[in-house]
Amino acid sequence: MDYFSNISKQEILNEEEILDLIDGIIRILTLTAVVHVLTYSIDKEGEFFGMQTLRKFLYMALGVVVYNLIMKKMFYKKIEKYINEKFSKN
């Protein structure tokens, strides 16, 4: 819980993390668009960029944001801290 008390004292995202977030969103949306176009052109499933597809894009983009804001910040930093403490030479 100490992590959450320190959040207000530090930046939520620095410039590098913002660029990683934008890159992740662009990557997942590009991948999804290509899969959708190929699926639609081959199988004629669903509408071509209908509301359901756009909702899926939104959900995937939100998933990338949640991953970057929560998973990377909370777990990776704790793991890095643990590894540094465990394997640092005293």
Protein backbone atom coordinates (compact mmCIF):
# COMPACT_ATOMS: atom_id res chain seq x y z
CA MET A 1 0.00 0.00 0.00
CA ASP A 2 3.01 2.22 0.32
CA TYR A 3 3.07 2.42 -3.47
CA PHE A 4 -0.29 4.19 -3.62
CA SER A 5 0.68 6.77 -0.99
CA ASN A 6 3.71 7.76 -3.08
CA ILE A 7 1.76 8.16 -6.35
CA SER A 8 0.72 11.73 -5.57
CA LYS A 9 4.36 12.65 -4.95
CA GLN A 10 5.61 11.44 -8.31
CA GLU A 11 4.64 11.70 -11.94
CA ILE A 12 2.05 9.18 -13.07
CA LEU A 13 3.68 8.85 -16.50
CA ASN A 14 6.93 10.28 -17.75
CA GLU A 15 7.60 11.09 -21.40
CA GLU A 16 9.05 7.66 -22.21
CA GLU A 17 6.08 5.87 -20.66
CA ILE A 18 3.64 8.06 -22.60
CA LEU A 19 5.41 7.15 -25.84
CA ASP A 20 5.29 3.45 -24.86
CA LEU A 21 1.57 3.79 -24.16
CA ILE A 22 0.87 5.45 -27.51
CA ASP A 23 3.01 2.85 -29.28
CA GLY A 24 1.11 0.04 -27.57
CA ILE A 25 -2.27 1.50 -28.52
CA ILE A 26 -1.21 2.01 -32.15
CA ARG A 27 0.25 -1.51 -32.29
CA ILE A 28 -2.87 -3.26 -30.94
CA LEU A 29 -5.28 -1.18 -33.05
CA THR A 30 -3.25 -1.82 -36.21
CA LEU A 31 -3.16 -5.53 -35.50
CA THR A 32 -6.89 -5.60 -34.81
CA ALA A 33 -7.71 -3.61 -37.96
CA VAL A 34 -5.65 -5.95 -40.15
CA VAL A 35 -7.27 -9.03 -38.61
CA HIS A 36 -10.72 -7.47 -39.04
CA VAL A 37 -10.13 -6.55 -42.69
CA LEU A 38 -8.77 -10.01 -43.49
CA THR A 39 -11.61 -11.76 -41.64
CA TYR A 40 -14.21 -9.61 -43.34
CA SER A 41 -12.70 -10.02 -46.80
CA ILE A 42 -12.36 -13.80 -46.53
CA ASP A 43 -15.30 -14.88 -44.35
CA LYS A 44 -17.68 -11.92 -44.76
CA GLU A 45 -18.28 -12.01 -40.99
CA GLY A 46 -20.05 -9.05 -39.40
CA GLU A 47 -20.14 -5.51 -40.68
CA PHE A 48 -17.13 -3.80 -42.17
CA PHE A 49 -16.05 -1.54 -39.28
CA GLY A 50 -19.48 -1.55 -37.68
CA MET A 51 -20.29 -0.49 -34.12
CA GLN A 52 -19.32 -3.86 -32.68
CA THR A 53 -15.88 -3.65 -34.29
CA LEU A 54 -15.35 -0.10 -33.09
CA ARG A 55 -16.32 -1.17 -29.55
CA LYS A 56 -13.73 -3.95 -29.73
CA PHE A 57 -11.11 -1.38 -30.77
CA LEU A 58 -12.07 0.79 -27.81
CA TYR A 59 -11.88 -2.15 -25.38
CA MET A 60 -8.47 -3.17 -26.68
CA ALA A 61 -7.15 0.38 -26.41
CA LEU A 62 -8.46 0.57 -22.82
CA GLY A 63 -6.77 -2.75 -22.10
CA VAL A 64 -3.43 -1.35 -23.25
CA VAL A 65 -3.93 1.75 -21.09
CA VAL A 66 -4.79 -0.34 -18.02
CA TYR A 67 -1.79 -2.57 -18.65
CA ASN A 68 0.58 0.40 -18.86
CA LEU A 69 -0.87 2.27 -15.90
CA ILE A 70 -1.33 -0.64 -13.50
CA MET A 71 0.70 -3.69 -14.47
CA LYS A 72 3.89 -1.94 -15.46
CA LYS A 73 3.79 0.59 -12.65
CA MET A 74 2.85 -1.71 -9.81
CA PHE A 75 4.22 -5.14 -10.53
CA TYR A 76 7.30 -4.51 -12.64
CA LYS A 77 8.68 -1.91 -10.25
CA LYS A 78 8.11 -4.23 -7.28
CA ILE A 79 9.83 -7.09 -9.11
CA GLU A 80 12.72 -4.83 -10.10
CA LYS A 81 13.07 -3.63 -6.50
CA TYR A 82 13.04 -7.21 -5.22
CA ILE A 83 15.67 -8.32 -7.73
CA ASN A 84 17.89 -5.35 -6.93
CA GLU A 85 17.64 -6.02 -3.19
CA LYS A 86 18.11 -9.78 -3.56
CA PHE A 87 21.04 -9.77 -5.96
CA SER A 88 22.84 -6.53 -5.18
CA LYS A 89 26.31 -6.93 -3.79
CA ASN A 90 26.55 -5.52 -0.28
